Amino acid sequence: MPTAWRQGDLLAPVDAVSLGVIDPEQRDTHRALIISHSCDIASTANIEPEVELLIGVVVRHDEATAQNGHSIRRLHLGAEGQLVTEWVRYGISERSKISKVDLLRYEPWGERRYTGEQRALLRRWLAQRYARCEFPDAFINWLKESGVGSRFEDLGKRHSAHLTGIYFDFDDDSERGNPDEPYALGINLVYDTDSADNAAAAEQAGERLEALFAQRCKPNGQWRWIELTYCDVLSEEVFSLRAARTFRRWRFEHRSLDGEPIDSSE
């Protein structure tokens, strides 16, 4: 069925209030983002009667620390259309559904919209929540036990605007019990080439990561828990598609095989 709606479109705040997905006092602070696949939106209502959306919160630019999809639970998107880009924090748990018949009474918000690049990021983020890599329980536990886990996440968040991906060179799925027999880990930090500042920021992140692993996992000159074998910084133009398929992409709030998450509050 013909429709102007596509995945990644925004409801105008006044329309979102009319549909009951946000409260009237939230018109300036919350946004309603359509996340159903465009093909499902175009299907007839008797086949796909509902449309799924996310409710996001408007944040300052300096609070938008999940711009490249590094977090599996949060994503910051910047909407264009006015003088200043509006950043919104979306959480995967803030999903809701509305009747497609009701939605089609309205048009997508014309004042602000996400670019094709932002929409592609949204698609990857939605898909990779269900396709993310798993790691051995011992590896996840040792990240926390060594003190690397939360510090690594904090560092990643600070540099999330510069990095398009963090890839682990890790191929040992065995469960280990002796920290003196550490896992070997290589890290590839892939940065966005759109800004000249990204390369320097990624290099800085790499140096801090190397220092972090040395401090927490090699306190007495011998590796324990996890041995960082290398930490390379590469542009997205150099990092190949083959490498992206071979290495495991790391996303914060990763879970082990038994469902244990990395706890950033440790």
Protein backbone atom coordinates (compact mmCIF):
# COMPACT_ATOMS: atom_id res chain seq x y z
CA MET A 1 0.00 0.00 0.00
CA PRO A 2 1.42 3.44 -0.93
CA THR A 3 2.71 5.41 2.05
CA ALA A 4 5.22 8.16 2.75
CA TRP A 5 6.41 6.43 5.92
CA ARG A 6 9.80 4.71 6.06
CA GLN A 7 11.94 3.20 8.76
CA GLY A 8 13.82 6.04 10.46
CA ASP A 9 11.06 8.63 10.04
CA LEU A 10 10.00 10.77 12.99
CA LEU A 11 6.53 11.57 14.18
CA ALA A 12 5.91 15.29 14.58
CA PRO A 13 5.70 15.99 18.33
CA VAL A 14 2.11 17.21 18.10
CA ASP A 15 1.14 14.04 16.20
CA ALA A 16 2.95 11.85 18.72
CA VAL A 17 0.86 13.47 21.45
CA SER A 18 -2.33 12.91 19.44
CA LEU A 19 -1.45 9.23 19.04
CA GLY A 20 -0.76 8.94 22.76
CA VAL A 21 2.87 7.80 22.45
CA ILE A 22 4.20 10.80 24.38
CA ASP A 23 2.58 13.14 26.90
CA PRO A 24 1.80 16.78 26.04
CA GLU A 25 4.55 18.05 28.35
CA GLN A 26 7.09 15.88 26.48
CA ARG A 27 6.71 17.58 23.09
CA ASP A 28 10.06 19.38 23.36
CA THR A 29 11.97 16.65 25.22
CA HIS A 30 10.95 13.37 23.57
CA ARG A 31 10.85 12.01 20.03
CA ALA A 32 8.98 9.10 18.44
CA LEU A 33 11.03 7.17 15.85
CA ILE A 34 9.55 4.59 13.47
CA ILE A 35 11.67 1.39 13.50
CA SER A 36 9.47 -1.12 11.66
CA HIS A 37 10.98 -2.23 8.36
CA SER A 38 9.83 -0.10 5.43
CA CYS A 39 8.44 -3.17 3.67
CA ASP A 40 6.32 -4.01 6.73
CA ILE A 41 5.03 -0.45 6.87
CA ALA A 42 4.02 -0.68 3.20
CA SER A 43 2.22 -4.00 3.73
CA THR A 44 -1.54 -3.87 4.13
CA ALA A 45 -2.90 -3.46 7.64
CA ASN A 46 -4.46 -6.92 7.68
CA ILE A 47 -0.96 -8.42 7.17
CA GLU A 48 1.02 -6.00 9.38
CA PRO A 49 -1.54 -4.25 11.60
CA GLU A 50 0.96 -2.47 13.87
CA VAL A 51 4.04 -0.29 13.51
CA GLU A 52 6.87 -0.41 16.02
CA LEU A 53 8.62 2.69 17.30
CA LEU A 54 11.15 3.90 19.83
CA ILE A 55 10.62 6.78 22.22
CA GLY A 56 13.81 8.83 22.64
CA VAL A 57 14.95 11.66 24.87
CA VAL A 58 16.54 14.86 23.51
CA VAL A 59 20.07 15.31 24.90
CA ARG A 60 22.97 17.74 24.55
CA HIS A 61 25.63 16.97 21.96
CA ASP A 62 28.23 16.31 24.65
CA GLU A 63 25.91 13.68 26.14
CA ALA A 64 25.61 11.80 22.84
CA THR A 65 28.25 9.17 23.59
CA ALA A 66 26.71 6.30 21.59
CA GLN A 67 26.75 7.82 18.11
CA ASN A 68 28.25 4.89 16.20
CA GLY A 69 26.26 1.97 17.61
CA HIS A 70 28.90 0.73 20.07
CA SER A 71 26.24 0.13 22.72
CA ILE A 72 23.74 -2.64 22.07
CA ARG A 73 21.12 -0.96 24.26
CA ARG A 74 21.52 2.75 23.45
CA LEU A 75 21.92 4.76 20.27
CA HIS A 76 22.28 8.50 19.76
CA LEU A 77 21.04 9.90 16.45
CA GLY A 78 21.40 13.47 15.21
CA ALA A 79 18.42 14.89 13.29
CA GLU A 80 18.97 17.65 10.76
CA GLY A 81 16.51 20.24 9.51
CA GLN A 82 17.05 23.31 11.65
CA LEU A 83 20.04 25.46 12.58
CA VAL A 84 21.38 23.01 15.17
CA THR A 85 21.47 19.23 14.95
CA GLU A 86 19.16 17.71 17.54
CA TRP A 87 20.62 14.69 19.34
CA VAL A 88 18.28 12.07 20.75
CA ARG A 89 19.06 9.08 22.95
CA TYR A 90 17.11 5.95 22.00
CA GLY A 91 16.99 2.84 24.16
CA ILE A 92 16.08 -0.59 22.84
CA SER A 93 13.84 -1.14 25.89
CA GLU A 94 11.76 1.96 25.06
CA ARG A 95 9.82 0.27 22.30
CA SER A 96 6.13 0.61 21.69
CA LYS A 97 3.57 -0.17 19.00
CA ILE A 98 0.76 1.79 17.41
CA SER A 99 -1.96 0.89 14.96
CA LYS A 100 -0.84 1.29 11.35
CA VAL A 101 -4.28 2.64 10.44
CA ASP A 102 -3.82 5.37 13.05
CA LEU A 103 -0.27 6.18 11.89
CA LEU A 104 -1.29 6.56 8.26
CA ARG A 105 -3.55 9.45 9.18
CA TYR A 106 -0.37 11.49 9.60
CA GLU A 107 2.73 12.35 7.57
CA PRO A 108 6.42 12.08 8.67
CA TRP A 109 7.75 15.11 10.50
CA GLY A 110 9.04 17.56 7.91
CA GLU A 111 11.00 19.87 10.20
CA ARG A 112 13.56 17.28 11.24
CA ARG A 113 14.70 14.05 9.63
CA TYR A 114 17.60 11.64 9.78
CA THR A 115 20.07 11.41 6.91
CA GLY A 116 20.61 8.24 4.92
CA GLU A 117 23.78 7.60 6.90
CA GLN A 118 21.93 7.88 10.21
CA ARG A 119 19.19 5.57 8.95
CA ALA A 120 21.78 2.99 7.87
CA LEU A 121 23.31 3.18 11.35
CA LEU A 122 19.86 2.60 12.85
CA ARG A 123 19.34 -0.48 10.65
CA ARG A 124 22.70 -1.95 11.67
CA TRP A 125 22.06 -1.22 15.34
CA LEU A 126 18.67 -2.91 15.28
CA ALA A 127 19.99 -5.93 13.40
CA GLN A 128 23.18 -6.43 15.37
CA ARG A 129 21.38 -6.64 18.68
CA TYR A 130 20.35 -10.12 17.59
CA ALA A 131 23.52 -10.96 15.65
CA ARG A 132 26.16 -9.89 18.19
CA CYS A 133 29.09 -12.15 19.03
CA GLU A 134 29.27 -14.22 22.17
CA PHE A 135 32.33 -14.71 24.35
CA PRO A 136 33.30 -17.36 26.90
CA ASP A 137 32.01 -16.80 30.41
CA ALA A 138 35.57 -16.76 31.79
CA PHE A 139 36.61 -14.02 29.36
CA ILE A 140 33.73 -11.76 30.42
CA ASN A 141 34.33 -12.51 34.09
CA TRP A 142 38.05 -11.83 33.80
CA LEU A 143 37.39 -8.49 32.12
CA LYS A 144 35.50 -7.52 35.24
CA GLU A 145 37.80 -9.22 37.73
CA SER A 146 40.89 -7.54 36.29
CA GLY A 147 39.24 -4.11 36.44
CA VAL A 148 39.47 -3.63 32.68
CA GLY A 149 35.74 -3.95 31.95
CA SER A 150 34.22 -0.70 33.24
CA ARG A 151 37.34 1.34 32.40
CA PHE A 152 37.33 0.01 28.85
CA GLU A 153 33.67 0.94 28.50
CA ASP A 154 34.26 4.45 29.84
CA LEU A 155 37.12 4.94 27.41
CA GLY A 156 35.03 3.64 24.53
CA LYS A 157 32.18 6.00 25.34
CA ARG A 158 34.52 9.00 25.43
CA HIS A 159 35.77 8.16 21.94
CA SER A 160 32.53 6.81 20.43
CA ALA A 161 32.09 9.82 18.14
CA HIS A 162 35.48 9.11 16.51
CA LEU A 163 35.32 5.31 16.17
CA THR A 164 33.14 3.42 13.73
CA GLY A 165 33.99 0.06 15.24
CA ILE A 166 35.99 -1.89 17.81
CA TYR A 167 36.98 -5.34 16.57
CA PHE A 168 38.49 -8.12 18.68
CA ASP A 169 41.01 -10.57 17.25
CA PHE A 170 39.83 -13.40 19.48
CA ASP A 171 39.31 -17.02 18.46
CA ASP A 172 39.49 -18.98 21.74
CA ASP A 173 36.06 -20.08 22.94
CA SER A 174 37.40 -22.40 25.63
CA GLU A 175 36.45 -21.88 29.25
CA ARG A 176 39.55 -21.26 31.35
CA GLY A 177 39.97 -21.52 35.09
CA ASN A 178 43.54 -20.35 35.68
CA PRO A 179 44.15 -16.59 35.30
CA ASP A 180 47.87 -17.33 34.85
CA GLU A 181 46.93 -18.88 31.50
CA PRO A 182 45.47 -15.73 29.95
CA TYR A 183 43.37 -15.34 26.86
CA ALA A 184 45.22 -13.71 23.95
CA LEU A 185 43.43 -10.66 22.59
CA GLY A 186 44.15 -8.26 19.73
CA ILE A 187 42.13 -5.07 19.34
CA ASN A 188 41.46 -3.09 16.16
CA LEU A 189 40.16 0.45 16.59
CA VAL A 190 38.57 1.63 13.35
CA TYR A 191 38.01 5.36 13.00
CA ASP A 192 35.77 7.50 10.83
CA THR A 193 37.65 9.38 8.08
CA ASP A 194 35.10 12.20 7.80
CA SER A 195 37.07 14.36 10.25
CA ALA A 196 40.81 14.90 10.50
CA ASP A 197 40.50 14.89 14.29
CA ASN A 198 39.33 11.28 14.39
CA ALA A 199 42.72 9.73 13.60
CA ALA A 200 44.44 11.57 16.47
CA ALA A 201 41.59 10.73 18.87
CA ALA A 202 41.71 7.05 17.87
CA GLU A 203 45.49 6.95 18.38
CA GLN A 204 44.98 8.43 21.83
CA ALA A 205 42.34 5.79 22.59
CA GLY A 206 44.74 3.06 21.47
CA GLU A 207 47.51 4.32 23.74
CA ARG A 208 45.14 4.48 26.69
CA LEU A 209 43.90 0.96 26.01
CA GLU A 210 47.43 -0.42 25.92
CA ALA A 211 48.21 1.34 29.20
CA LEU A 212 44.97 0.06 30.75
CA PHE A 213 45.63 -3.59 29.92
CA ALA A 214 49.26 -3.32 31.04
CA GLN A 215 48.23 -1.75 34.34
CA ARG A 216 45.36 -4.10 35.15
CA CYS A 217 46.47 -7.39 33.55
CA LYS A 218 50.27 -7.20 33.81
CA PRO A 219 50.91 -5.65 37.23
CA ASN A 220 54.03 -7.72 38.04
CA GLY A 221 55.48 -8.09 34.57
CA GLN A 222 53.48 -11.25 33.81
CA TRP A 223 50.17 -11.33 32.01
CA ARG A 224 47.11 -12.53 33.93
CA TRP A 225 43.51 -12.96 32.79
CA ILE A 226 43.89 -11.34 29.33
CA GLU A 227 47.07 -10.68 27.35
CA LEU A 228 46.76 -7.77 24.95
CA THR A 229 48.88 -8.91 22.00
CA TYR A 230 48.34 -5.75 19.96
CA CYS A 231 46.11 -2.69 19.63
CA ASP A 232 46.00 -1.34 16.07
CA VAL A 233 44.41 1.91 14.94
CA LEU A 234 43.06 1.81 11.38
CA SER A 235 40.92 4.03 9.21
CA GLU A 236 37.66 2.61 7.87
CA GLU A 237 39.20 2.88 4.39
CA VAL A 238 42.05 0.56 5.36
CA PHE A 239 40.12 -1.93 7.51
CA SER A 240 38.85 -4.45 4.99
CA LEU A 241 35.47 -6.13 4.66
CA ARG A 242 37.26 -9.46 5.10
CA ALA A 243 38.68 -8.27 8.41
CA ALA A 244 35.24 -7.12 9.54
CA ARG A 245 33.89 -10.59 8.79
CA THR A 246 36.81 -12.35 10.47
CA PHE A 247 37.15 -10.39 13.70
CA ARG A 248 34.47 -10.13 16.37
CA ARG A 249 32.91 -6.73 16.77
CA TRP A 250 32.81 -5.66 20.40
CA ARG A 251 29.77 -3.85 21.70
CA PHE A 252 29.47 -2.59 25.22
CA GLU A 253 26.97 -4.42 27.46
CA HIS A 254 28.20 -7.59 25.77
CA ARG A 255 27.00 -10.80 27.35
CA SER A 256 28.79 -14.04 27.92
CA LEU A 257 27.38 -17.38 26.84
CA ASP A 258 25.49 -17.72 30.13
CA GLY A 259 23.90 -14.28 29.74
CA GLU A 260 26.13 -12.37 32.18
CA PRO A 261 26.48 -8.72 31.10
CA ILE A 262 29.39 -6.36 31.50
CA ASP A 263 28.42 -4.12 34.40
CA SER A 264 29.53 -0.55 33.84
CA SER A 265 28.83 0.37 37.47
CA GLU A 266 31.46 -1.97 38.93
